Amino acid sequence: MLDIKSTTRVASIPVNIVHIAGDIDSSNFQTFQSFLDDQVANGSRHFILNFKNVNRISSAGLRVIHNLFNKLRELHKDVDDDELRKRMSTGVYKSPYLKVVNLSAAVEEVFRLGGFDIYIEIFQDEEQAVNSCH
C-alpha cells in the first residue's frame, strides 16, 4: 500500500513537499507517477520528495523520479542537454527544482547505484532541503 500526501511550504519560493509511505515498486509506481503528474498539472514547480517512510524502491520508482526531473527541466527551460551532460560529468549540476530527503540506507544505495545522486541533491533534514530551494 502506497500512501502519498503533499504540503506546500513557502521558503523563498513555494515548495511542494511530498511525503511517501510504503515501498515503491512495479505494483504501485503508477500511483506515484499519477500523484506527481497531478501536482505538476496543478502548478507545483519545486519538489522535495520525503522518503522517511519508504524502505524500498525499485527501478519503476526511480523511473517516476526521473520523469519528474525531466518534466521540471522542461517547464523551467533548464540548461540544454549538452550543457547538462557537461555539468553532470564534472559534478557541478544538481537540480534546483527537485530534492530528496530522509532516504533509508537501502533506498539511498539504490538511488546512488542508479546515478541519481549525480543530479539530485540528497538531504537528511527536511528544513535544510526547503531552505536550499530558491
C-alpha atoms as a PDB file:
ATOM      1  CA  MET A   1       0.000   0.000   0.000  1.00  0.00           C
ATOM      2  CA  LEU A   2       1.402   3.361  -1.029  1.00  0.00           C
ATOM      3  CA  ASP A   3       0.250   6.474   0.806  1.00  0.00           C
ATOM      4  CA  ILE A   4       1.223   9.854  -0.659  1.00  0.00           C
ATOM      5  CA  LYS A   5       0.443  13.290   0.748  1.00  0.00           C
ATOM      6  CA  SER A   6       1.798  16.709  -0.058  1.00  0.00           C
ATOM      7  CA  THR A   7       2.065  20.047   1.652  1.00  0.00           C
ATOM      8  CA  THR A   8       3.305  23.343   0.329  1.00  0.00           C
ATOM      9  CA  ARG A   9       5.902  25.324   2.221  1.00  0.00           C
ATOM     10  CA  VAL A  10       6.997  28.785   1.230  1.00  0.00           C
ATOM     11  CA  ALA A  11      10.717  29.421   1.570  1.00  0.00           C
ATOM     12  CA  SER A  12      11.926  31.971  -0.948  1.00  0.00           C
ATOM     13  CA  ILE A  13       9.565  30.122  -3.339  1.00  0.00           C
ATOM     14  CA  PRO A  14       6.647  27.702  -2.887  1.00  0.00           C
ATOM     15  CA  VAL A  15       7.966  24.161  -2.416  1.00  0.00           C
ATOM     16  CA  ASN A  16       5.786  21.064  -2.676  1.00  0.00           C
ATOM     17  CA  ILE A  17       6.864  18.520  -0.058  1.00  0.00           C
ATOM     18  CA  VAL A  18       5.683  15.046  -0.975  1.00  0.00           C
ATOM     19  CA  HIS A  19       5.565  12.520   1.886  1.00  0.00           C
ATOM     20  CA  ILE A  20       5.601   8.951   0.667  1.00  0.00           C
ATOM     21  CA  ALA A  21       4.806   5.970   2.898  1.00  0.00           C
ATOM     22  CA  GLY A  22       5.281   2.420   1.663  1.00  0.00           C
ATOM     23  CA  ASP A  23       7.607   0.675  -0.716  1.00  0.00           C
ATOM     24  CA  ILE A  24       7.605   1.864  -4.330  1.00  0.00           C
ATOM     25  CA  ASP A  25       7.706  -0.910  -6.903  1.00  0.00           C
ATOM     26  CA  SER A  26       6.089  -2.242 -10.070  1.00  0.00           C
ATOM     27  CA  SER A  27       2.793  -2.841  -8.265  1.00  0.00           C
ATOM     28  CA  ASN A  28       2.233   0.828  -7.357  1.00  0.00           C
ATOM     29  CA  PHE A  29       4.617   3.100  -9.274  1.00  0.00           C
ATOM     30  CA  GLN A  30       1.700   4.301 -11.423  1.00  0.00           C
ATOM     31  CA  THR A  31       0.031   5.708  -8.288  1.00  0.00           C
ATOM     32  CA  PHE A  32       3.245   7.615  -7.542  1.00  0.00           C
ATOM     33  CA  GLN A  33       3.504   8.827 -11.165  1.00  0.00           C
ATOM     34  CA  SER A  34      -0.144   9.958 -11.281  1.00  0.00           C
ATOM     35  CA  PHE A  35       0.184  11.816  -7.987  1.00  0.00           C
ATOM     36  CA  LEU A  36       3.263  13.743  -9.171  1.00  0.00           C
ATOM     37  CA  ASP A  37       1.740  14.424 -12.601  1.00  0.00           C
ATOM     38  CA  ASP A  38      -1.336  15.904 -10.886  1.00  0.00           C
ATOM     39  CA  GLN A  39       0.854  18.094  -8.684  1.00  0.00           C
ATOM     40  CA  VAL A  40       2.685  19.468 -11.735  1.00  0.00           C
ATOM     41  CA  ALA A  41      -0.601  19.952 -13.602  1.00  0.00           C
ATOM     42  CA  ASN A  42      -1.859  21.963 -10.617  1.00  0.00           C
ATOM     43  CA  GLY A  43       1.138  24.306 -10.747  1.00  0.00           C
ATOM     44  CA  SER A  44       3.812  22.785  -8.495  1.00  0.00           C
ATOM     45  CA  ARG A  45       7.263  23.582  -9.858  1.00  0.00           C
ATOM     46  CA  HIS A  46       9.646  22.770  -6.952  1.00  0.00           C
ATOM     47  CA  PHE A  47       9.569  19.434  -5.157  1.00  0.00           C
ATOM     48  CA  ILE A  48      11.076  17.783  -2.137  1.00  0.00           C
ATOM     49  CA  LEU A  49      10.382  14.060  -2.017  1.00  0.00           C
ATOM     50  CA  ASN A  50      10.422  12.875   1.601  1.00  0.00           C
ATOM     51  CA  PHE A  51      11.225   9.162   1.774  1.00  0.00           C
ATOM     52  CA  LYS A  52      11.171   8.857   5.576  1.00  0.00           C
ATOM     53  CA  ASN A  53       8.602   6.025   5.429  1.00  0.00           C
ATOM     54  CA  VAL A  54       9.942   4.211   2.355  1.00  0.00           C
ATOM     55  CA  ASN A  55      12.136   1.169   2.927  1.00  0.00           C
ATOM     56  CA  ARG A  56      12.468   0.011  -0.670  1.00  0.00           C
ATOM     57  CA  ILE A  57      12.290   1.487  -4.167  1.00  0.00           C
ATOM     58  CA  SER A  58      12.547  -0.422  -7.437  1.00  0.00           C
ATOM     59  CA  SER A  59      13.642   0.722 -10.872  1.00  0.00           C
ATOM     60  CA  ALA A  60       9.979   1.561 -11.593  1.00  0.00           C
ATOM     61  CA  GLY A  61      10.018   4.066  -8.718  1.00  0.00           C
ATOM     62  CA  LEU A  62      13.314   5.530  -9.916  1.00  0.00           C
ATOM     63  CA  ARG A  63      11.801   5.979 -13.365  1.00  0.00           C
ATOM     64  CA  VAL A  64       8.983   8.067 -11.830  1.00  0.00           C
ATOM     65  CA  ILE A  65      11.566  10.335 -10.170  1.00  0.00           C
ATOM     66  CA  HIS A  66      13.492  10.648 -13.434  1.00  0.00           C
ATOM     67  CA  ASN A  67      10.276  11.518 -15.293  1.00  0.00           C
ATOM     68  CA  LEU A  68       9.584  14.269 -12.753  1.00  0.00           C
ATOM     69  CA  PHE A  69      13.149  15.565 -13.133  1.00  0.00           C
ATOM     70  CA  ASN A  70      12.744  15.775 -16.925  1.00  0.00           C
ATOM     71  CA  LYS A  71       9.314  17.400 -16.707  1.00  0.00           C
ATOM     72  CA  LEU A  72      10.614  20.080 -14.310  1.00  0.00           C
ATOM     73  CA  ARG A  73      13.641  20.769 -16.524  1.00  0.00           C
ATOM     74  CA  GLU A  74      11.324  21.270 -19.471  1.00  0.00           C
ATOM     75  CA  LEU A  75       8.970  23.571 -17.549  1.00  0.00           C
ATOM     76  CA  HIS A  76      11.810  25.699 -16.195  1.00  0.00           C
ATOM     77  CA  LYS A  77      13.687  25.778 -19.512  1.00  0.00           C
ATOM     78  CA  ASP A  78      16.737  24.463 -17.691  1.00  0.00           C
ATOM     79  CA  VAL A  79      20.130  24.070 -19.359  1.00  0.00           C
ATOM     80  CA  ASP A  80      20.121  22.258 -22.702  1.00  0.00           C
ATOM     81  CA  ASP A  81      21.012  18.576 -22.841  1.00  0.00           C
ATOM     82  CA  ASP A  82      24.639  19.116 -23.901  1.00  0.00           C
ATOM     83  CA  GLU A  83      25.262  21.603 -21.094  1.00  0.00           C
ATOM     84  CA  LEU A  84      23.506  19.300 -18.632  1.00  0.00           C
ATOM     85  CA  ARG A  85      25.771  16.377 -19.601  1.00  0.00           C
ATOM     86  CA  LYS A  86      28.868  18.574 -19.220  1.00  0.00           C
ATOM     87  CA  ARG A  87      27.798  19.848 -15.808  1.00  0.00           C
ATOM     88  CA  MET A  88      26.818  16.400 -14.595  1.00  0.00           C
ATOM     89  CA  SER A  89      30.105  14.853 -15.733  1.00  0.00           C
ATOM     90  CA  THR A  90      32.060  17.471 -13.787  1.00  0.00           C
ATOM     91  CA  GLY A  91      29.799  17.167 -10.751  1.00  0.00           C
ATOM     92  CA  VAL A  92      28.538  20.755 -10.795  1.00  0.00           C
ATOM     93  CA  TYR A  93      24.872  20.151 -11.641  1.00  0.00           C
ATOM     94  CA  LYS A  94      22.171  19.433  -9.068  1.00  0.00           C
ATOM     95  CA  SER A  95      18.535  20.013  -9.896  1.00  0.00           C
ATOM     96  CA  PRO A  96      17.338  23.287  -8.377  1.00  0.00           C
ATOM     97  CA  TYR A  97      13.724  22.022  -8.707  1.00  0.00           C
ATOM     98  CA  LEU A  98      13.872  18.524  -7.226  1.00  0.00           C
ATOM     99  CA  LYS A  99      15.443  17.336  -3.972  1.00  0.00           C
ATOM    100  CA  VAL A 100      15.087  14.221  -1.829  1.00  0.00           C
ATOM    101  CA  VAL A 101      15.202  13.841   1.924  1.00  0.00           C
ATOM    102  CA  ASN A 102      15.264  11.108   4.585  1.00  0.00           C
ATOM    103  CA  LEU A 103      16.428   8.190   2.454  1.00  0.00           C
ATOM    104  CA  SER A 104      16.820   4.905   4.308  1.00  0.00           C
ATOM    105  CA  ALA A 105      20.181   3.198   3.811  1.00  0.00           C
ATOM    106  CA  ALA A 106      18.650   0.756   1.314  1.00  0.00           C
ATOM    107  CA  VAL A 107      16.864   3.452  -0.706  1.00  0.00           C
ATOM    108  CA  GLU A 108      19.973   5.644  -0.709  1.00  0.00           C
ATOM    109  CA  GLU A 109      22.053   2.756  -2.031  1.00  0.00           C
ATOM    110  CA  VAL A 110      19.597   2.173  -4.912  1.00  0.00           C
ATOM    111  CA  PHE A 111      19.487   5.924  -5.540  1.00  0.00           C
ATOM    112  CA  ARG A 112      23.296   6.107  -5.756  1.00  0.00           C
ATOM    113  CA  LEU A 113      23.649   2.908  -7.809  1.00  0.00           C
ATOM    114  CA  GLY A 114      21.183   4.395 -10.289  1.00  0.00           C
ATOM    115  CA  GLY A 115      23.309   7.554 -10.527  1.00  0.00           C
ATOM    116  CA  PHE A 116      20.519   9.792  -9.229  1.00  0.00           C
ATOM    117  CA  ASP A 117      22.820  11.400  -6.652  1.00  0.00           C
ATOM    118  CA  ILE A 118      24.764  12.902  -9.572  1.00  0.00           C
ATOM    119  CA  TYR A 119      21.928  15.299 -10.409  1.00  0.00           C
ATOM    120  CA  ILE A 120      19.548  15.251  -7.425  1.00  0.00           C
ATOM    121  CA  GLU A 121      20.647  16.582  -4.059  1.00  0.00           C
ATOM    122  CA  ILE A 122      20.099  14.316  -1.040  1.00  0.00           C
ATOM    123  CA  PHE A 123      19.294  15.829   2.349  1.00  0.00           C
ATOM    124  CA  GLN A 124      18.944  14.253   5.787  1.00  0.00           C
ATOM    125  CA  ASP A 125      16.837  17.126   7.109  1.00  0.00           C
ATOM    126  CA  GLU A 126      13.638  18.453   5.535  1.00  0.00           C
ATOM    127  CA  GLU A 127      14.231  22.001   6.800  1.00  0.00           C
ATOM    128  CA  GLN A 128      17.659  22.125   5.113  1.00  0.00           C
ATOM    129  CA  ALA A 129      16.131  20.840   1.887  1.00  0.00           C
ATOM    130  CA  VAL A 130      13.419  23.530   1.995  1.00  0.00           C
ATOM    131  CA  ASN A 131      15.980  26.257   2.702  1.00  0.00           C
ATOM    132  CA  SER A 132      18.080  25.128  -0.279  1.00  0.00           C
ATOM    133  CA  CYS A 133      15.239  25.898  -2.696  1.00  0.00           C
ATOM    134  CA  HIS A 134      15.376  29.225  -4.497  1.00  0.00           C
END
